[in-house]
């Protein structure tokens, strides 16, 4: 029986297969030598996922890599079925002489990641319809409330979520990026950002997120799945 997993359970279940948990999804990357090889690997992954492919699997095919994402779309969560499909896809890559990995410390341009846009607002219910309309976004499964996040219905753009403000803060930027990285990539990403001229604003909610800022005070958060399960 397919069961929804906690963040801790999902992360531990796929760690050894080269996948990482990012914002309620499992993600891995496989480096390839050509677009033809990428297309072949993607097709093989669809075959091993069988009838579950349409409900669980998303594939980003490029000439240099294939990025696989797994989530039970009708639950907007990671389940035991997603873990099994991750295992199958990793095994399929291995049989082709390829490696499914999160690309942490491998010399890759960056690790697997997901980006969200956070909008601070005093009246979330009042501004949410505008952002839903102007972006062409929709509600996430099971999250249709007036203050819930918005997602790209075709899965290409970053999710948008809204953070409640307790008072007007005109001196502070009101929109910032959340960069969700593998839990074992966070410290390196933060160190790199600080070395590039950034500063640490707050680590009080780490390891769920660290707040960083550039030289002019524009903020971004490096986030992980950790520190979020009750």
Protein backbone atom coordinates (compact mmCIF):
# COMPACT_ATOMS: atom_id res chain seq x y z
CA UNK A 1 0.00 0.00 0.00
CA UNK A 2 1.33 3.43 -0.99
CA UNK A 3 2.09 5.56 2.07
CA UNK A 4 3.11 9.20 2.45
CA UNK A 5 6.55 9.49 4.03
CA UNK A 6 7.84 12.05 6.50
CA UNK A 7 10.72 14.23 5.35
CA UNK A 8 13.15 12.21 7.44
CA UNK A 9 11.84 8.89 6.09
CA UNK A 10 11.92 10.06 2.47
CA UNK A 11 15.44 11.48 2.73
CA UNK A 12 16.89 8.39 4.35
CA UNK A 13 15.12 6.04 1.95
CA UNK A 14 16.75 7.48 -1.20
CA UNK A 15 20.10 8.73 0.10
CA UNK A 16 22.02 5.68 -1.13
CA UNK A 17 20.38 5.78 -4.57
CA UNK A 18 21.81 9.23 -5.36
CA UNK A 19 18.56 11.17 -4.83
CA UNK A 20 17.80 14.09 -2.52
CA UNK A 21 14.58 15.41 -0.98
CA UNK A 22 13.70 18.93 -2.15
CA UNK A 23 10.40 20.66 -1.30
CA UNK A 24 8.27 17.54 -1.20
CA UNK A 25 9.93 15.94 -4.22
CA UNK A 26 12.78 13.53 -4.88
CA UNK A 27 15.37 14.71 -7.40
CA UNK A 28 18.53 13.38 -9.03
CA UNK A 29 20.72 14.23 -12.01
CA UNK A 30 22.44 11.92 -14.49
CA UNK A 31 25.24 13.30 -16.63
CA UNK A 32 25.21 12.13 -20.24
CA UNK A 33 27.31 12.64 -23.35
CA UNK A 34 24.66 13.60 -25.89
CA UNK A 35 21.02 14.51 -26.33
CA UNK A 36 20.45 11.14 -27.96
CA UNK A 37 21.80 9.36 -24.88
CA UNK A 38 19.69 11.62 -22.66
CA UNK A 39 16.54 10.79 -24.61
CA UNK A 40 17.32 7.08 -24.44
CA UNK A 41 17.81 7.19 -20.68
CA UNK A 42 14.59 9.15 -20.21
CA UNK A 43 12.70 6.59 -22.28
CA UNK A 44 14.20 3.73 -20.26
CA UNK A 45 13.12 5.44 -17.04
CA UNK A 46 9.56 5.75 -18.29
CA UNK A 47 9.55 2.05 -19.13
CA UNK A 48 10.78 0.95 -15.69
CA UNK A 49 8.23 3.22 -14.01
CA UNK A 50 5.47 1.59 -16.06
CA UNK A 51 1.95 2.81 -15.41
CA UNK A 52 3.23 4.97 -12.54
CA UNK A 53 5.25 7.25 -14.83
CA UNK A 54 2.43 9.68 -15.62
CA UNK A 55 1.45 10.15 -11.98
CA UNK A 56 4.91 10.30 -10.44
CA UNK A 57 7.71 11.17 -12.87
CA UNK A 58 8.90 14.44 -14.43
CA UNK A 59 11.97 14.52 -16.66
CA UNK A 60 14.14 17.44 -17.80
CA UNK A 61 16.25 16.29 -20.76
CA UNK A 62 19.37 18.23 -21.79
CA UNK A 63 22.39 17.34 -23.97
CA UNK A 64 24.64 17.12 -20.90
CA UNK A 65 22.29 15.72 -18.22
CA UNK A 66 18.88 14.34 -17.39
CA UNK A 67 17.19 15.59 -14.23
CA UNK A 68 14.55 13.28 -12.77
CA UNK A 69 11.91 14.41 -10.28
CA UNK A 70 9.52 12.12 -8.43
CA UNK A 71 6.38 13.02 -6.48
CA UNK A 72 2.94 11.49 -6.11
CA UNK A 73 1.14 14.25 -7.99
CA UNK A 74 -2.32 13.49 -6.67
CA UNK A 75 -1.04 13.88 -3.10
CA UNK A 76 1.65 16.53 -3.64
CA UNK A 77 3.91 14.42 -1.45
CA UNK A 78 6.62 11.76 -1.53
CA UNK A 79 5.35 8.23 -0.99
CA UNK A 80 6.76 4.74 -0.72
CA UNK A 81 6.02 4.34 -4.44
CA UNK A 82 8.25 7.28 -5.30
CA UNK A 83 11.09 5.65 -3.35
CA UNK A 84 10.66 2.42 -5.30
CA UNK A 85 10.66 4.31 -8.61
CA UNK A 86 13.82 6.18 -7.57
CA UNK A 87 15.51 2.85 -6.93
CA UNK A 88 14.46 1.58 -10.37
CA UNK A 89 15.65 4.69 -12.20
CA UNK A 90 19.03 4.63 -10.45
CA UNK A 91 19.43 0.97 -11.36
CA UNK A 92 18.52 1.74 -14.98
CA UNK A 93 21.18 4.46 -15.15
CA UNK A 94 23.72 2.09 -13.61
CA UNK A 95 23.02 -0.57 -16.24
CA UNK A 96 23.81 2.05 -18.90
CA UNK A 97 27.12 2.88 -17.24
CA UNK A 98 25.75 6.15 -15.87
CA UNK A 99 25.35 7.50 -12.35
CA UNK A 100 22.34 9.05 -10.66
CA UNK A 101 23.68 11.63 -8.21
CA UNK A 102 22.77 14.97 -6.58
CA UNK A 103 25.96 16.52 -8.05
CA UNK A 104 27.37 17.65 -4.72
CA UNK A 105 31.11 18.36 -4.76
CA UNK A 106 31.59 16.74 -8.16
CA UNK A 107 32.70 19.77 -10.12
CA UNK A 108 29.22 20.15 -11.59
CA UNK A 109 27.94 23.72 -12.11
CA UNK A 110 25.68 23.23 -9.05
CA UNK A 111 23.84 20.56 -7.10
CA UNK A 112 20.24 19.62 -7.77
CA UNK A 113 17.98 22.30 -6.33
CA UNK A 114 14.56 23.95 -6.48
CA UNK A 115 13.79 27.66 -6.30
CA UNK A 116 10.75 29.29 -4.69
CA UNK A 117 9.76 32.96 -4.69
CA UNK A 118 8.55 34.30 -1.34
CA UNK A 119 6.38 37.43 -1.16
CA UNK A 120 5.98 39.22 2.16
CA UNK A 121 2.49 40.67 2.53
CA UNK A 122 0.18 42.26 5.06
CA UNK A 123 -2.91 41.01 3.19
CA UNK A 124 -2.03 37.67 1.61
CA UNK A 125 -5.63 36.87 0.63
CA UNK A 126 -5.82 40.24 -1.11
CA UNK A 127 -2.72 39.91 -3.26
CA UNK A 128 -2.74 36.15 -3.97
CA UNK A 129 -5.39 36.34 -6.75
CA UNK A 130 -3.26 38.89 -8.63
CA UNK A 131 -0.17 36.69 -8.60
CA UNK A 132 -2.22 33.64 -9.55
CA UNK A 133 -3.63 35.49 -12.56
CA UNK A 134 -0.54 37.33 -13.77
CA UNK A 135 1.67 34.22 -13.58
CA UNK A 136 -0.96 31.82 -14.95
CA UNK A 137 -0.42 29.70 -11.84
CA UNK A 138 -2.77 27.39 -9.96
CA UNK A 139 -3.35 25.86 -6.53
CA UNK A 140 -1.32 22.93 -5.30
CA UNK A 141 -3.25 19.73 -4.65
CA UNK A 142 -4.81 19.93 -1.21
CA UNK A 143 -3.80 23.58 -0.71
CA UNK A 144 -6.53 25.76 -2.20
CA UNK A 145 -6.87 28.23 0.69
CA UNK A 146 -6.69 32.03 0.31
CA UNK A 147 -3.19 32.14 1.78
CA UNK A 148 -1.71 28.93 0.33
CA UNK A 149 1.23 28.77 -2.14
CA UNK A 150 0.82 28.86 -5.91
CA UNK A 151 2.47 26.54 -8.42
CA UNK A 152 3.12 26.47 -12.15
CA UNK A 153 0.56 24.04 -13.62
CA UNK A 154 3.11 22.77 -16.16
CA UNK A 155 5.93 22.48 -13.61
CA UNK A 156 8.42 24.84 -15.24
CA UNK A 157 8.43 27.94 -13.03
CA UNK A 158 9.27 28.27 -9.34
CA UNK A 159 6.54 28.00 -6.74
CA UNK A 160 5.36 31.22 -5.08
CA UNK A 161 4.51 31.35 -1.40
CA UNK A 162 3.40 34.16 0.85
CA UNK A 163 4.89 35.16 4.19
CA UNK A 164 2.72 37.03 6.67
CA UNK A 165 4.05 40.41 7.76
CA UNK A 166 3.07 41.82 11.13
CA UNK A 167 3.72 45.44 10.11
CA UNK A 168 4.73 47.44 7.09
CA UNK A 169 8.49 47.39 6.45
CA UNK A 170 9.09 49.69 3.45
CA UNK A 171 12.84 49.69 4.05
CA UNK A 172 13.09 45.96 3.42
CA UNK A 173 12.74 44.09 0.13
CA UNK A 174 9.38 42.36 0.00
CA UNK A 175 10.18 39.59 -2.49
CA UNK A 176 13.03 37.13 -1.99
CA UNK A 177 14.21 33.81 -3.35
CA UNK A 178 14.24 30.54 -1.43
CA UNK A 179 16.85 28.15 -2.80
CA UNK A 180 16.12 24.62 -1.63
CA UNK A 181 19.29 22.53 -1.75
CA UNK A 182 20.19 19.04 -0.55
CA UNK A 183 20.76 19.01 3.20
CA UNK A 184 24.38 18.00 2.65
CA UNK A 185 24.97 20.88 0.20
CA UNK A 186 23.68 23.73 2.39
CA UNK A 187 26.88 24.57 4.27
CA UNK A 188 28.96 24.72 1.09
CA UNK A 189 26.38 26.90 -0.68
CA UNK A 190 26.26 29.31 2.27
CA UNK A 191 30.05 29.50 2.52
CA UNK A 192 30.27 30.26 -1.20
CA UNK A 193 27.65 33.02 -0.92
CA UNK A 194 29.42 34.60 2.05
CA UNK A 195 32.76 34.48 0.25
CA UNK A 196 31.09 36.25 -2.68
CA UNK A 197 30.28 39.27 -0.52
CA UNK A 198 27.08 38.14 1.17
CA UNK A 199 26.34 38.23 4.87
CA UNK A 200 24.45 35.98 7.23
CA UNK A 201 21.32 37.74 8.49
CA UNK A 202 19.92 34.92 10.61
CA UNK A 203 20.47 31.24 11.37
CA UNK A 204 17.85 30.97 14.10
CA UNK A 205 15.72 28.60 12.00
CA UNK A 206 18.60 26.51 10.69
CA UNK A 207 18.76 23.85 9.34
CA UNK A 208 15.28 24.60 7.93
CA UNK A 209 16.62 27.84 6.48
CA UNK A 210 19.37 30.45 6.73
CA UNK A 211 18.68 34.07 5.76
CA UNK A 212 21.45 35.68 3.71
CA UNK A 213 21.74 39.11 2.14
CA UNK A 214 23.81 40.81 -0.52
CA UNK A 215 25.79 44.02 0.00
CA UNK A 216 22.65 46.15 -0.43
CA UNK A 217 20.51 44.08 1.94
CA UNK A 218 18.49 42.10 -0.62
CA UNK A 219 17.70 38.78 1.02
CA UNK A 220 17.67 35.14 -0.05
CA UNK A 221 17.14 31.99 1.99
CA UNK A 222 19.04 28.75 1.64
CA UNK A 223 16.61 26.05 2.72
CA UNK A 224 16.61 22.29 3.36
CA UNK A 225 14.04 19.70 4.42
CA UNK A 226 15.63 19.36 7.84
CA UNK A 227 14.16 20.91 10.96
CA UNK A 228 10.62 20.85 9.60
CA UNK A 229 9.17 17.56 10.82
CA UNK A 230 7.43 17.89 14.17
